[in-house]
Amino acid sequence: MSNFKKLLESAKNQPIDEAPSSPNGSTNDSVDNDSTNELKQAPVATKKVSPRKNAETGKSKNPDYRQTTIYVRKDLQRKLIRLLEDQEYKGDFSDWVEECMVSKIKRQKS
């Protein structure tokens, strides 16, 4: 029988709690048996997920919404975004555009 088979057979016959022995039959006393036999759980990295800025996010998945592209001058958009942030507007840019569109339609009907 090969040395590998002997080691394999002795390992199969050894209880899990028992320290493994070297091929010559002696145990390695310099190693802490509890730390070598015990499987330790690695720390799990958790990522904090910030709450959504707006409860209506996910519009791209909502069939009631359609993506529309508009061209706006950069400086105008930056000024508007700053204004909305200063006023602590609760929605995003598309919410603001939608409110403006609804307002325009209401004015036309009256």
PDB file of N, CA and C in Angstrom:
ATOM      1  N   MET A   1       0.860  -1.169   0.000  1.00  0.00           N
ATOM      2  CA  MET A   1       0.000   0.000   0.000  1.00  0.00           C
ATOM      3  C   MET A   1       0.908   1.236   0.000  1.00  0.00           C
ATOM      4  N   SER A   2       0.554   2.263  -0.817  1.00  0.00           N
ATOM      5  CA  SER A   2       1.378   3.464  -0.905  1.00  0.00           C
ATOM      6  C   SER A   2       1.219   4.322   0.344  1.00  0.00           C
ATOM      7  N   ASN A   3       2.168   5.216   0.548  1.00  0.00           N
ATOM      8  CA  ASN A   3       2.118   6.129   1.698  1.00  0.00           C
ATOM      9  C   ASN A   3       0.868   7.003   1.659  1.00  0.00           C
ATOM     10  N   PHE A   4       0.488   7.427   0.443  1.00  0.00           N
ATOM     11  CA  PHE A   4      -0.701   8.256   0.315  1.00  0.00           C
ATOM     12  C   PHE A   4      -1.945   7.502   0.767  1.00  0.00           C
ATOM     13  N   LYS A   5      -2.083   6.260   0.353  1.00  0.00           N
ATOM     14  CA  LYS A   5      -3.246   5.462   0.748  1.00  0.00           C
ATOM     15  C   LYS A   5      -3.265   5.251   2.253  1.00  0.00           C
ATOM     16  N   LYS A   6      -2.095   5.044   2.863  1.00  0.00           N
ATOM     17  CA  LYS A   6      -2.019   4.875   4.317  1.00  0.00           C
ATOM     18  C   LYS A   6      -2.504   6.144   5.024  1.00  0.00           C
ATOM     19  N   LEU A   7      -2.034   7.294   4.543  1.00  0.00           N
ATOM     20  CA  LEU A   7      -2.453   8.568   5.142  1.00  0.00           C
ATOM     21  C   LEU A   7      -3.957   8.782   4.962  1.00  0.00           C
ATOM     22  N   LEU A   8      -4.438   8.459   3.784  1.00  0.00           N
ATOM     23  CA  LEU A   8      -5.864   8.629   3.511  1.00  0.00           C
ATOM     24  C   LEU A   8      -6.702   7.728   4.408  1.00  0.00           C
ATOM     25  N   GLU A   9      -6.306   6.490   4.557  1.00  0.00           N
ATOM     26  CA  GLU A   9      -7.040   5.558   5.412  1.00  0.00           C
ATOM     27  C   GLU A   9      -6.998   6.000   6.875  1.00  0.00           C
ATOM     28  N   SER A  10      -5.836   6.455   7.336  1.00  0.00           N
ATOM     29  CA  SER A  10      -5.754   6.893   8.734  1.00  0.00           C
ATOM     30  C   SER A  10      -6.587   8.153   8.957  1.00  0.00           C
ATOM     31  N   ALA A  11      -6.652   9.015   7.939  1.00  0.00           N
ATOM     32  CA  ALA A  11      -7.470  10.224   8.059  1.00  0.00           C
ATOM     33  C   ALA A  11      -8.944   9.874   8.097  1.00  0.00           C
ATOM     34  N   LYS A  12      -9.355   8.902   7.327  1.00  0.00           N
ATOM     35  CA  LYS A  12     -10.756   8.472   7.323  1.00  0.00           C
ATOM     36  C   LYS A  12     -11.159   7.885   8.661  1.00  0.00           C
ATOM     37  N   ASN A  13     -10.249   7.206   9.296  1.00  0.00           N
ATOM     38  CA  ASN A  13     -10.541   6.550  10.566  1.00  0.00           C
ATOM     39  C   ASN A  13     -10.411   7.480  11.760  1.00  0.00           C
ATOM     40  N   GLN A  14      -9.817   8.648  11.575  1.00  0.00           N
ATOM     41  CA  GLN A  14      -9.623   9.575  12.686  1.00  0.00           C
ATOM     42  C   GLN A  14     -10.888  10.373  12.940  1.00  0.00           C
ATOM     43  N   PRO A  15     -11.274  10.537  14.213  1.00  0.00           N
ATOM     44  CA  PRO A  15     -12.412  11.417  14.502  1.00  0.00           C
ATOM     45  C   PRO A  15     -12.065  12.851  14.126  1.00  0.00           C
ATOM     46  N   ILE A  16     -13.064  13.642  13.811  1.00  0.00           N
ATOM     47  CA  ILE A  16     -12.851  15.019  13.382  1.00  0.00           C
ATOM     48  C   ILE A  16     -12.208  15.848  14.491  1.00  0.00           C
ATOM     49  N   ASP A  17     -12.589  15.620  15.746  1.00  0.00           N
ATOM     50  CA  ASP A  17     -12.061  16.415  16.852  1.00  0.00           C
ATOM     51  C   ASP A  17     -10.595  16.119  17.151  1.00  0.00           C
ATOM     52  N   GLU A  18     -10.100  14.994  16.692  1.00  0.00           N
ATOM     53  CA  GLU A  18      -8.732  14.582  16.990  1.00  0.00           C
ATOM     54  C   GLU A  18      -7.771  15.320  16.072  1.00  0.00           C
ATOM     55  N   ALA A  19      -6.632  15.712  16.615  1.00  0.00           N
ATOM     56  CA  ALA A  19      -5.625  16.407  15.827  1.00  0.00           C
ATOM     57  C   ALA A  19      -4.998  15.431  14.846  1.00  0.00           C
ATOM     58  N   PRO A  20      -4.703  15.883  13.641  1.00  0.00           N
ATOM     59  CA  PRO A  20      -4.071  14.994  12.681  1.00  0.00           C
ATOM     60  C   PRO A  20      -2.654  14.658  13.127  1.00  0.00           C
ATOM     61  N   SER A  21      -2.243  13.464  12.832  1.00  0.00           N
ATOM     62  CA  SER A  21      -0.889  13.069  13.217  1.00  0.00           C
ATOM     63  C   SER A  21       0.000  13.067  12.008  1.00  0.00           C
ATOM     64  N   SER A  22       1.282  13.216  12.252  1.00  0.00           N
ATOM     65  CA  SER A  22       2.239  13.188  11.157  1.00  0.00           C
ATOM     66  C   SER A  22       2.409  11.745  10.705  1.00  0.00           C
ATOM     67  N   PRO A  23       3.035  11.520   9.571  1.00  0.00           N
ATOM     68  CA  PRO A  23       3.187  10.157   9.075  1.00  0.00           C
ATOM     69  C   PRO A  23       3.898   9.216  10.058  1.00  0.00           C
ATOM     70  N   ASN A  24       4.735   9.761  10.944  1.00  0.00           N
ATOM     71  CA  ASN A  24       5.425   8.899  11.900  1.00  0.00           C
ATOM     72  C   ASN A  24       4.593   8.643  13.154  1.00  0.00           C
ATOM     73  N   GLY A  25       3.351   9.183  13.197  1.00  0.00           N
ATOM     74  CA  GLY A  25       2.451   8.885  14.300  1.00  0.00           C
ATOM     75  C   GLY A  25       2.449   9.893  15.424  1.00  0.00           C
ATOM     76  N   SER A  26       3.338  10.874  15.418  1.00  0.00           N
ATOM     77  CA  SER A  26       3.358  11.859  16.498  1.00  0.00           C
ATOM     78  C   SER A  26       2.500  13.057  16.127  1.00  0.00           C
ATOM     79  N   THR A  27       1.924  13.692  17.144  1.00  0.00           N
ATOM     80  CA  THR A  27       1.122  14.893  16.894  1.00  0.00           C
ATOM     81  C   THR A  27       2.011  16.102  17.009  1.00  0.00           C
ATOM     82  N   ASN A  28       1.641  17.162  16.367  1.00  0.00           N
ATOM     83  CA  ASN A  28       2.416  18.388  16.405  1.00  0.00           C
ATOM     84  C   ASN A  28       1.889  19.233  17.550  1.00  0.00           C
ATOM     85  N   ASP A  29       2.593  19.213  18.702  1.00  0.00           N
ATOM     86  CA  ASP A  29       2.129  19.916  19.886  1.00  0.00           C
ATOM     87  C   ASP A  29       2.395  21.415  19.818  1.00  0.00           C
ATOM     88  N   SER A  30       3.236  21.868  18.898  1.00  0.00           N
ATOM     89  CA  SER A  30       3.550  23.287  18.837  1.00  0.00           C
ATOM     90  C   SER A  30       2.422  24.096  18.205  1.00  0.00           C
ATOM     91  N   VAL A  31       1.480  23.415  17.565  1.00  0.00           N
ATOM     92  CA  VAL A  31       0.359  24.101  16.916  1.00  0.00           C
ATOM     93  C   VAL A  31      -0.854  24.005  17.825  1.00  0.00           C
ATOM     94  N   ASP A  32      -1.556  25.098  17.993  1.00  0.00           N
ATOM     95  CA  ASP A  32      -2.774  25.119  18.800  1.00  0.00           C
ATOM     96  C   ASP A  32      -3.852  24.329  18.065  1.00  0.00           C
ATOM     97  N   ASN A  33      -4.259  23.194  18.621  1.00  0.00           N
ATOM     98  CA  ASN A  33      -5.212  22.304  17.945  1.00  0.00           C
ATOM     99  C   ASN A  33      -6.566  22.946  17.742  1.00  0.00           C
ATOM    100  N   ASP A  34      -7.002  23.780  18.681  1.00  0.00           N
ATOM    101  CA  ASP A  34      -8.315  24.411  18.537  1.00  0.00           C
ATOM    102  C   ASP A  34      -8.354  25.319  17.323  1.00  0.00           C
ATOM    103  N   SER A  35      -7.263  26.045  17.088  1.00  0.00           N
ATOM    104  CA  SER A  35      -7.275  26.992  15.979  1.00  0.00           C
ATOM    105  C   SER A  35      -7.130  26.299  14.635  1.00  0.00           C
ATOM    106  N   THR A  36      -6.463  25.128  14.598  1.00  0.00           N
ATOM    107  CA  THR A  36      -6.291  24.459  13.309  1.00  0.00           C
ATOM    108  C   THR A  36      -7.522  23.661  12.918  1.00  0.00           C
ATOM    109  N   ASN A  37      -8.246  23.128  13.871  1.00  0.00           N
ATOM    110  CA  ASN A  37      -9.410  22.313  13.545  1.00  0.00           C
ATOM    111  C   ASN A  37     -10.684  23.134  13.393  1.00  0.00           C
ATOM    112  N   GLU A  38     -10.687  24.303  13.966  1.00  0.00           N
ATOM    113  CA  GLU A  38     -11.899  25.122  13.977  1.00  0.00           C
ATOM    114  C   GLU A  38     -11.969  25.959  12.709  1.00  0.00           C
ATOM    115  N   LEU A  39     -13.071  25.878  12.020  1.00  0.00           N
ATOM    116  CA  LEU A  39     -13.280  26.723  10.860  1.00  0.00           C
ATOM    117  C   LEU A  39     -13.806  28.055  11.333  1.00  0.00           C
ATOM    118  N   LYS A  40     -13.157  29.089  10.927  1.00  0.00           N
ATOM    119  CA  LYS A  40     -13.566  30.423  11.366  1.00  0.00           C
ATOM    120  C   LYS A  40     -14.287  31.126  10.241  1.00  0.00           C
ATOM    121  N   GLN A  41     -15.356  31.807  10.604  1.00  0.00           N
ATOM    122  CA  GLN A  41     -16.152  32.566   9.641  1.00  0.00           C
ATOM    123  C   GLN A  41     -15.390  33.828   9.280  1.00  0.00           C
ATOM    124  N   ALA A  42     -15.176  34.032   8.017  1.00  0.00           N
ATOM    125  CA  ALA A  42     -14.536  35.256   7.557  1.00  0.00           C
ATOM    126  C   ALA A  42     -15.513  36.403   7.735  1.00  0.00           C
ATOM    127  N   PRO A  43     -15.005  37.579   8.073  1.00  0.00           N
ATOM    128  CA  PRO A  43     -15.920  38.715   8.222  1.00  0.00           C
ATOM    129  C   PRO A  43     -16.611  39.002   6.899  1.00  0.00           C
ATOM    130  N   VAL A  44     -17.883  39.284   6.982  1.00  0.00           N
ATOM    131  CA  VAL A  44     -18.678  39.561   5.801  1.00  0.00           C
ATOM    132  C   VAL A  44     -18.747  41.064   5.609  1.00  0.00           C
ATOM    133  N   ALA A  45     -18.343  41.501   4.446  1.00  0.00           N
ATOM    134  CA  ALA A  45     -18.402  42.922   4.146  1.00  0.00           C
ATOM    135  C   ALA A  45     -19.839  43.271   3.773  1.00  0.00           C
ATOM    136  N   THR A  46     -20.383  44.250   4.444  1.00  0.00           N
ATOM    137  CA  THR A  46     -21.739  44.679   4.127  1.00  0.00           C
ATOM    138  C   THR A  46     -21.678  46.062   3.508  1.00  0.00           C
ATOM    139  N   LYS A  47     -22.478  46.249   2.534  1.00  0.00           N
ATOM    140  CA  LYS A  47     -22.541  47.533   1.856  1.00  0.00           C
ATOM    141  C   LYS A  47     -23.808  48.235   2.293  1.00  0.00           C
ATOM    142  N   LYS A  48     -23.634  49.445   2.792  1.00  0.00           N
ATOM    143  CA  LYS A  48     -24.818  50.206   3.172  1.00  0.00           C
ATOM    144  C   LYS A  48     -25.507  50.691   1.906  1.00  0.00           C
ATOM    145  N   VAL A  49     -26.765  50.422   1.827  1.00  0.00           N
ATOM    146  CA  VAL A  49     -27.549  50.863   0.685  1.00  0.00           C
ATOM    147  C   VAL A  49     -28.342  52.069   1.136  1.00  0.00           C
ATOM    148  N   SER A  50     -28.087  53.176   0.474  1.00  0.00           N
ATOM    149  CA  SER A  50     -28.800  54.381   0.864  1.00  0.00           C
ATOM    150  C   SER A  50     -30.238  54.295   0.374  1.00  0.00           C
ATOM    151  N   PRO A  51     -31.151  54.857   1.141  1.00  0.00           N
ATOM    152  CA  PRO A  51     -32.545  54.827   0.700  1.00  0.00           C
ATOM    153  C   PRO A  51     -32.682  55.622  -0.588  1.00  0.00           C
ATOM    154  N   ARG A  52     -33.616  55.231  -1.370  1.00  0.00           N
ATOM    155  CA  ARG A  52     -33.796  55.902  -2.654  1.00  0.00           C
ATOM    156  C   ARG A  52     -34.165  57.359  -2.448  1.00  0.00           C
ATOM    157  N   LYS A  53     -33.619  58.178  -3.305  1.00  0.00           N
ATOM    158  CA  LYS A  53     -33.864  59.617  -3.224  1.00  0.00           C
ATOM    159  C   LYS A  53     -35.348  59.907  -3.430  1.00  0.00           C
ATOM    160  N   ASN A  54     -35.958  59.129  -4.282  1.00  0.00           N
ATOM    161  CA  ASN A  54     -37.348  59.381  -4.630  1.00  0.00           C
ATOM    162  C   ASN A  54     -38.069  58.040  -4.676  1.00  0.00           C
ATOM    163  N   ALA A  55     -39.233  57.973  -4.111  1.00  0.00           N
ATOM    164  CA  ALA A  55     -39.972  56.711  -4.072  1.00  0.00           C
ATOM    165  C   ALA A  55     -40.368  56.246  -5.468  1.00  0.00           C
ATOM    166  N   GLU A  56     -40.340  57.142  -6.425  1.00  0.00           N
ATOM    167  CA  GLU A  56     -40.771  56.790  -7.780  1.00  0.00           C
ATOM    168  C   GLU A  56     -39.611  56.406  -8.690  1.00  0.00           C
ATOM    169  N   THR A  57     -38.428  56.126  -8.118  1.00  0.00           N
ATOM    170  CA  THR A  57     -37.334  55.712  -8.983  1.00  0.00           C
ATOM    171  C   THR A  57     -37.657  54.343  -9.544  1.00  0.00           C
ATOM    172  N   GLY A  58     -36.985  53.991 -10.593  1.00  0.00           N
ATOM    173  CA  GLY A  58     -37.308  52.750 -11.264  1.00  0.00           C
ATOM    174  C   GLY A  58     -38.269  53.005 -12.403  1.00  0.00           C
ATOM    175  N   LYS A  59     -38.305  54.217 -12.877  1.00  0.00           N
ATOM    176  CA  LYS A  59     -39.226  54.568 -13.961  1.00  0.00           C
ATOM    177  C   LYS A  59     -38.889  53.820 -15.238  1.00  0.00           C
ATOM    178  N   SER A  60     -37.619  53.465 -15.393  1.00  0.00           N
ATOM    179  CA  SER A  60     -37.229  52.765 -16.623  1.00  0.00           C
ATOM    180  C   SER A  60     -37.883  51.392 -16.712  1.00  0.00           C
ATOM    181  N   LYS A  61     -38.269  50.835 -15.581  1.00  0.00           N
ATOM    182  CA  LYS A  61     -38.938  49.528 -15.571  1.00  0.00           C
ATOM    183  C   LYS A  61     -40.461  49.649 -15.557  1.00  0.00           C
ATOM    184  N   ASN A  62     -40.973  50.857 -15.352  1.00  0.00           N
ATOM    185  CA  ASN A  62     -42.410  51.077 -15.243  1.00  0.00           C
ATOM    186  C   ASN A  62     -43.003  51.289 -16.638  1.00  0.00           C
ATOM    187  N   PRO A  63     -43.978  50.462 -17.033  1.00  0.00           N
ATOM    188  CA  PRO A  63     -44.550  50.594 -18.383  1.00  0.00           C
ATOM    189  C   PRO A  63     -45.353  51.879 -18.586  1.00  0.00           C
ATOM    190  N   ASP A  64     -45.689  52.596 -17.513  1.00  0.00           N
ATOM    191  CA  ASP A  64     -46.436  53.848 -17.644  1.00  0.00           C
ATOM    192  C   ASP A  64     -45.537  55.012 -18.060  1.00  0.00           C
ATOM    193  N   TYR A  65     -44.222  54.797 -18.083  1.00  0.00           N
ATOM    194  CA  TYR A  65     -43.277  55.859 -18.418  1.00  0.00           C
ATOM    195  C   TYR A  65     -42.597  55.551 -19.741  1.00  0.00           C
ATOM    196  N   ARG A  66     -42.227  56.612 -20.455  1.00  0.00           N
ATOM    197  CA  ARG A  66     -41.485  56.494 -21.709  1.00  0.00           C
ATOM    198  C   ARG A  66     -40.274  57.409 -21.618  1.00  0.00           C
ATOM    199  N   GLN A  67     -39.129  56.884 -22.038  1.00  0.00           N
ATOM    200  CA  GLN A  67     -37.920  57.698 -22.025  1.00  0.00           C
ATOM    201  C   GLN A  67     -37.978  58.711 -23.155  1.00  0.00           C
ATOM    202  N   THR A  68     -37.662  59.954 -22.829  1.00  0.00           N
ATOM    203  CA  THR A  68     -37.667  61.034 -23.805  1.00  0.00           C
ATOM    204  C   THR A  68     -36.368  61.801 -23.663  1.00  0.00           C
ATOM    205  N   THR A  69     -35.743  62.098 -24.757  1.00  0.00           N
ATOM    206  CA  THR A  69     -34.486  62.842 -24.731  1.00  0.00           C
ATOM    207  C   THR A  69     -34.758  64.280 -25.140  1.00  0.00           C
ATOM    208  N   ILE A  70     -34.225  65.203 -24.358  1.00  0.00           N
ATOM    209  CA  ILE A  70     -34.327  66.618 -24.706  1.00  0.00           C
ATOM    210  C   ILE A  70     -32.928  67.223 -24.641  1.00  0.00           C
ATOM    211  N   TYR A  71     -32.736  68.301 -25.348  1.00  0.00           N
ATOM    212  CA  TYR A  71     -31.473  69.007 -25.309  1.00  0.00           C
ATOM    213  C   TYR A  71     -31.678  70.316 -24.578  1.00  0.00           C
ATOM    214  N   VAL A  72     -30.883  70.501 -23.535  1.00  0.00           N
ATOM    215  CA  VAL A  72     -30.955  71.705 -22.717  1.00  0.00           C
ATOM    216  C   VAL A  72     -29.528  72.220 -22.558  1.00  0.00           C
ATOM    217  N   ARG A  73     -29.389  73.535 -22.609  1.00  0.00           N
ATOM    218  CA  ARG A  73     -28.048  74.092 -22.398  1.00  0.00           C
ATOM    219  C   ARG A  73     -27.523  73.685 -21.020  1.00  0.00           C
ATOM    220  N   LYS A  74     -26.240  73.341 -20.963  1.00  0.00           N
ATOM    221  CA  LYS A  74     -25.626  72.849 -19.717  1.00  0.00           C
ATOM    222  C   LYS A  74     -25.783  73.840 -18.566  1.00  0.00           C
ATOM    223  N   ASP A  75     -25.513  75.101 -18.850  1.00  0.00           N
ATOM    224  CA  ASP A  75     -25.581  76.097 -17.777  1.00  0.00           C
ATOM    225  C   ASP A  75     -27.005  76.250 -17.249  1.00  0.00           C
ATOM    226  N   LEU A  76     -28.000  76.167 -18.134  1.00  0.00           N
ATOM    227  CA  LEU A  76     -29.392  76.264 -17.706  1.00  0.00           C
ATOM    228  C   LEU A  76     -29.773  75.076 -16.827  1.00  0.00           C
ATOM    229  N   GLN A  77     -29.366  73.886 -17.231  1.00  0.00           N
ATOM    230  CA  GLN A  77     -29.688  72.707 -16.431  1.00  0.00           C
ATOM    231  C   GLN A  77     -29.009  72.775 -15.064  1.00  0.00           C
ATOM    232  N   ARG A  78     -27.733  73.184 -15.020  1.00  0.00           N
ATOM    233  CA  ARG A  78     -27.022  73.309 -13.741  1.00  0.00           C
ATOM    234  C   ARG A  78     -27.715  74.302 -12.810  1.00  0.00           C
ATOM    235  N   LYS A  79     -28.136  75.444 -13.355  1.00  0.00           N
ATOM    236  CA  LYS A  79     -28.828  76.452 -12.547  1.00  0.00           C
ATOM    237  C   LYS A  79     -30.144  75.907 -12.000  1.00  0.00           C
ATOM    238  N   LEU A  80     -30.877  75.188 -12.854  1.00  0.00           N
ATOM    239  CA  LEU A  80     -32.150  74.627 -12.415  1.00  0.00           C
ATOM    240  C   LEU A  80     -31.935  73.575 -11.320  1.00  0.00           C
ATOM    241  N   ILE A  81     -30.962  72.698 -11.504  1.00  0.00           N
ATOM    242  CA  ILE A  81     -30.687  71.660 -10.509  1.00  0.00           C
ATOM    243  C   ILE A  81     -30.312  72.302  -9.174  1.00  0.00           C
ATOM    244  N   ARG A  82     -29.472  73.336  -9.214  1.00  0.00           N
ATOM    245  CA  ARG A  82     -29.096  74.036  -7.972  1.00  0.00           C
ATOM    246  C   ARG A  82     -30.318  74.666  -7.315  1.00  0.00           C
ATOM    247  N   LEU A  83     -31.173  75.289  -8.121  1.00  0.00           N
ATOM    248  CA  LEU A  83     -32.381  75.914  -7.596  1.00  0.00           C
ATOM    249  C   LEU A  83     -33.279  74.879  -6.924  1.00  0.00           C
ATOM    250  N   LEU A  84     -33.470  73.741  -7.582  1.00  0.00           N
ATOM    251  CA  LEU A  84     -34.311  72.680  -7.009  1.00  0.00           C
ATOM    252  C   LEU A  84     -33.702  72.138  -5.710  1.00  0.00           C
ATOM    253  N   GLU A  85     -32.381  71.998  -5.676  1.00  0.00           N
ATOM    254  CA  GLU A  85     -31.726  71.524  -4.449  1.00  0.00           C
ATOM    255  C   GLU A  85     -31.872  72.553  -3.331  1.00  0.00           C
ATOM    256  N   ASP A  86     -31.699  73.839  -3.658  1.00  0.00           N
ATOM    257  CA  ASP A  86     -31.845  74.895  -2.647  1.00  0.00           C
ATOM    258  C   ASP A  86     -33.259  74.931  -2.082  1.00  0.00           C
ATOM    259  N   GLN A  87     -34.244  74.637  -2.926  1.00  0.00           N
ATOM    260  CA  GLN A  87     -35.639  74.623  -2.491  1.00  0.00           C
ATOM    261  C   GLN A  87     -36.026  73.285  -1.877  1.00  0.00           C
ATOM    262  N   GLU A  88     -35.047  72.365  -1.778  1.00  0.00           N
ATOM    263  CA  GLU A  88     -35.255  71.020  -1.212  1.00  0.00           C
ATOM    264  C   GLU A  88     -36.390  70.285  -1.917  1.00  0.00           C
ATOM    265  N   TYR A  89     -36.375  70.398  -3.244  1.00  0.00           N
ATOM    266  CA  TYR A  89     -37.349  69.695  -4.079  1.00  0.00           C
ATOM    267  C   TYR A  89     -37.167  68.199  -3.858  1.00  0.00           C
ATOM    268  N   LYS A  90     -38.250  67.480  -3.657  1.00  0.00           N
ATOM    269  CA  LYS A  90     -38.179  66.059  -3.300  1.00  0.00           C
ATOM    270  C   LYS A  90     -38.040  65.129  -4.502  1.00  0.00           C
ATOM    271  N   GLY A  91     -38.288  65.585  -5.682  1.00  0.00           N
ATOM    272  CA  GLY A  91     -38.214  64.720  -6.852  1.00  0.00           C
ATOM    273  C   GLY A  91     -36.906  64.866  -7.597  1.00  0.00           C
ATOM    274  N   ASP A  92     -36.857  64.281  -8.773  1.00  0.00           N
ATOM    275  CA  ASP A  92     -35.689  64.430  -9.630  1.00  0.00           C
ATOM    276  C   ASP A  92     -36.058  65.303 -10.829  1.00  0.00           C
ATOM    277  N   PHE A  93     -35.114  65.461 -11.734  1.00  0.00           N
ATOM    278  CA  PHE A  93     -35.325  66.346 -12.877  1.00  0.00           C
ATOM    279  C   PHE A  93     -36.543  65.921 -13.693  1.00  0.00           C
ATOM    280  N   SER A  94     -36.702  64.623 -13.893  1.00  0.00           N
ATOM    281  CA  SER A  94     -37.849  64.168 -14.694  1.00  0.00           C
ATOM    282  C   SER A  94     -39.171  64.429 -13.975  1.00  0.00           C
ATOM    283  N   ASP A  95     -39.177  64.375 -12.641  1.00  0.00           N
ATOM    284  CA  ASP A  95     -40.394  64.719 -11.897  1.00  0.00           C
ATOM    285  C   ASP A  95     -40.753  66.185 -12.112  1.00  0.00           C
ATOM    286  N   TRP A  96     -39.735  67.042 -12.099  1.00  0.00           N
ATOM    287  CA  TRP A  96     -39.970  68.467 -12.289  1.00  0.00           C
ATOM    288  C   TRP A  96     -40.511  68.739 -13.695  1.00  0.00           C
ATOM    289  N   VAL A  97     -39.917  68.078 -14.704  1.00  0.00           N
ATOM    290  CA  VAL A  97     -40.380  68.254 -16.079  1.00  0.00           C
ATOM    291  C   VAL A  97     -41.833  67.793 -16.204  1.00  0.00           C
ATOM    292  N   GLU A  98     -42.145  66.662 -15.570  1.00  0.00           N
ATOM    293  CA  GLU A  98     -43.522  66.152 -15.621  1.00  0.00           C
ATOM    294  C   GLU A  98     -44.493  67.147 -14.980  1.00  0.00           C
ATOM    295  N   GLU A  99     -44.117  67.728 -13.845  1.00  0.00           N
ATOM    296  CA  GLU A  99     -44.980  68.723 -13.192  1.00  0.00           C
ATOM    297  C   GLU A  99     -45.214  69.923 -14.098  1.00  0.00           C
ATOM    298  N   CYS A 100     -44.162  70.355 -14.792  1.00  0.00           N
ATOM    299  CA  CYS A 100     -44.305  71.489 -15.710  1.00  0.00           C
ATOM    300  C   CYS A 100     -45.233  71.147 -16.869  1.00  0.00           C
ATOM    301  N   MET A 101     -45.120  69.943 -17.377  1.00  0.00           N
ATOM    302  CA  MET A 101     -45.976  69.514 -18.484  1.00  0.00           C
ATOM    303  C   MET A 101     -47.438  69.446 -18.050  1.00  0.00           C
ATOM    304  N   VAL A 102     -47.689  68.886 -16.873  1.00  0.00           N
ATOM    305  CA  VAL A 102     -49.057  68.796 -16.351  1.00  0.00           C
ATOM    306  C   VAL A 102     -49.624  70.197 -16.128  1.00  0.00           C
ATOM    307  N   SER A 103     -48.811  71.085 -15.593  1.00  0.00           N
ATOM    308  CA  SER A 103     -49.248  72.461 -15.347  1.00  0.00           C
ATOM    309  C   SER A 103     -49.613  73.160 -16.658  1.00  0.00           C
ATOM    310  N   LYS A 104     -48.810  72.966 -17.676  1.00  0.00           N
ATOM    311  CA  LYS A 104     -49.069  73.570 -18.984  1.00  0.00           C
ATOM    312  C   LYS A 104     -50.386  73.048 -19.569  1.00  0.00           C
ATOM    313  N   ILE A 105     -50.624  71.762 -19.452  1.00  0.00           N
ATOM    314  CA  ILE A 105     -51.855  71.167 -19.979  1.00  0.00           C
ATOM    315  C   ILE A 105     -53.073  71.711 -19.228  1.00  0.00           C
ATOM    316  N   LYS A 106     -52.966  71.844 -17.901  1.00  0.00           N
ATOM    317  CA  LYS A 106     -54.086  72.386 -17.113  1.00  0.00           C
ATOM    318  C   LYS A 106     -54.394  73.819 -17.502  1.00  0.00           C
ATOM    319  N   ARG A 107     -53.358  74.617 -17.755  1.00  0.00           N
ATOM    320  CA  ARG A 107     -53.576  76.014 -18.149  1.00  0.00           C
ATOM    321  C   ARG A 107     -54.246  76.091 -19.509  1.00  0.00           C
ATOM    322  N   GLN A 108     -53.900  75.180 -20.407  1.00  0.00           N
ATOM    323  CA  GLN A 108     -54.512  75.183 -21.729  1.00  0.00           C
ATOM    324  C   GLN A 108     -55.994  74.810 -21.689  1.00  0.00           C
ATOM    325  N   LYS A 109     -56.355  73.932 -20.733  1.00  0.00           N
ATOM    326  CA  LYS A 109     -57.747  73.492 -20.619  1.00  0.00           C
ATOM    327  C   LYS A 109     -58.629  74.554 -19.977  1.00  0.00           C
ATOM    328  N   SER A 110     -58.056  75.434 -19.199  1.00  0.00           N
ATOM    329  CA  SER A 110     -58.893  76.415 -18.505  1.00  0.00           C
ATOM    330  C   SER A 110     -59.051  77.711 -19.257  1.00  0.00           C
TER     331      SER A 110
END
